[in-house]
Amino acid sequence: MSQTASIWLVIAAAFVAANLPFLLDRRLLAVWPLKTPKGIGVRLAELVAWYFIVGGLGLLLEQRMGQVAPQRWEFYAITGALFLTFAFPGFVWRYLRKHRRG
């Protein structure tokens, strides 16, 4: 896989993963079914978990390309902010859009 394809794969995975906590109401990490809908605390915890899962995917792809570049706190601040930005459409869908009942 080329470096450009790896980058786009991680970006697409981050966008999808950032929205999963808000789109899947009765699934934890898109795998385990829940009996009751998730609250905002569970959604935020799931968002953090997805951040680390996608980060692991990026690290794996970077290791396959060659040497892993050292990351400092600035890297995590920027990628965390980008992940939260990617989560905005799902947040709007879940909490700001009016849903018809019944």
Protein backbone atom coordinates (compact mmCIF):
# COMPACT_ATOMS: atom_id res chain seq x y z
CA MET A 1 0.00 0.00 0.00
CA SER A 2 1.37 3.41 -0.90
CA GLN A 3 1.94 6.13 1.66
CA THR A 4 -0.84 8.29 0.17
CA ALA A 5 -3.32 5.43 0.32
CA SER A 6 -2.36 4.75 3.95
CA ILE A 7 -2.95 8.38 4.88
CA TRP A 8 -6.36 8.45 3.23
CA LEU A 9 -7.28 5.15 4.86
CA VAL A 10 -6.50 6.53 8.32
CA ILE A 11 -8.42 9.74 7.62
CA ALA A 12 -11.48 7.83 6.39
CA ALA A 13 -11.30 5.43 9.35
CA ALA A 14 -11.05 8.38 11.74
CA PHE A 15 -14.12 10.05 10.22
CA VAL A 16 -16.22 6.90 10.42
CA ALA A 17 -14.99 5.97 13.91
CA ALA A 18 -15.58 9.47 15.28
CA ASN A 19 -19.24 9.31 14.25
CA LEU A 20 -19.99 5.74 15.38
CA PRO A 21 -20.67 6.60 19.05
CA PHE A 22 -23.39 9.03 17.98
CA LEU A 23 -24.97 7.00 15.19
CA LEU A 24 -25.18 3.60 16.89
CA ASP A 25 -27.49 4.08 19.86
CA ARG A 26 -27.60 0.52 21.19
CA ARG A 27 -24.14 -0.82 20.30
CA LEU A 28 -20.98 -0.41 22.35
CA LEU A 29 -17.92 0.05 20.11
CA ALA A 30 -20.13 -1.09 17.20
CA VAL A 31 -19.86 -4.69 18.46
CA TRP A 32 -21.67 -5.39 21.74
CA PRO A 33 -25.44 -4.88 21.86
CA LEU A 34 -26.91 -2.87 24.75
CA LYS A 35 -30.39 -3.14 26.26
CA THR A 36 -30.73 0.60 26.89
CA PRO A 37 -29.61 3.60 24.82
CA LYS A 38 -26.20 5.06 25.62
CA GLY A 39 -25.84 8.26 27.60
CA ILE A 40 -23.48 11.11 26.78
CA GLY A 41 -20.81 9.80 29.19
CA VAL A 42 -20.70 6.41 27.49
CA ARG A 43 -20.57 8.10 24.09
CA LEU A 44 -17.61 10.27 25.11
CA ALA A 45 -15.77 7.28 26.59
CA GLU A 46 -16.43 5.38 23.37
CA LEU A 47 -15.13 8.37 21.38
CA VAL A 48 -11.85 8.22 23.31
CA ALA A 49 -11.64 4.46 22.75
CA TRP A 50 -12.15 4.92 19.00
CA TYR A 51 -9.44 7.62 18.98
CA PHE A 52 -6.93 5.11 20.35
CA ILE A 53 -8.13 2.34 18.02
CA VAL A 54 -7.67 4.54 14.94
CA GLY A 55 -4.35 5.74 16.36
CA GLY A 56 -3.27 2.11 16.61
CA LEU A 57 -4.23 1.59 12.98
CA GLY A 58 -2.16 4.62 12.00
CA LEU A 59 0.79 3.38 14.05
CA LEU A 60 0.55 -0.05 12.44
CA LEU A 61 0.54 1.44 8.94
CA GLU A 62 3.45 3.73 9.83
CA GLN A 63 5.47 0.79 11.14
CA ARG A 64 4.87 -1.10 7.90
CA MET A 65 6.21 1.89 5.92
CA GLY A 66 9.44 2.12 7.91
CA GLN A 67 10.65 3.91 11.00
CA VAL A 68 8.03 5.40 13.32
CA ALA A 69 8.43 9.15 13.85
CA PRO A 70 8.57 10.27 17.49
CA GLN A 71 5.35 11.97 18.70
CA ARG A 72 5.14 14.63 21.40
CA TRP A 73 2.14 16.23 23.07
CA GLU A 74 1.51 18.56 20.10
CA PHE A 75 0.78 15.57 17.87
CA TYR A 76 -1.83 14.21 20.27
CA ALA A 77 -3.41 17.65 20.78
CA ILE A 78 -3.80 18.17 17.03
CA THR A 79 -5.07 14.67 16.26
CA GLY A 80 -7.48 14.83 19.20
CA ALA A 81 -8.87 18.15 17.96
CA LEU A 82 -9.17 16.72 14.44
CA PHE A 83 -10.98 13.64 15.78
CA LEU A 84 -13.44 15.86 17.67
CA THR A 85 -13.99 17.89 14.49
CA PHE A 86 -14.72 14.69 12.60
CA ALA A 87 -17.27 13.76 15.29
CA PHE A 88 -19.30 16.94 14.75
CA PRO A 89 -21.73 15.54 12.12
CA GLY A 90 -22.65 12.62 14.39
CA PHE A 91 -23.08 14.94 17.38
CA VAL A 92 -25.37 17.22 15.35
CA TRP A 93 -27.38 14.21 14.18
CA ARG A 94 -27.83 12.86 17.72
CA TYR A 95 -28.31 16.00 19.81
CA LEU A 96 -29.10 19.04 17.65
CA ARG A 97 -31.36 17.68 14.92
CA LYS A 98 -35.05 17.24 15.70
CA HIS A 99 -36.08 13.62 15.35
CA ARG A 100 -39.69 12.68 14.70
CA ARG A 101 -41.16 10.42 17.38
CA GLY A 102 -43.65 7.73 16.46
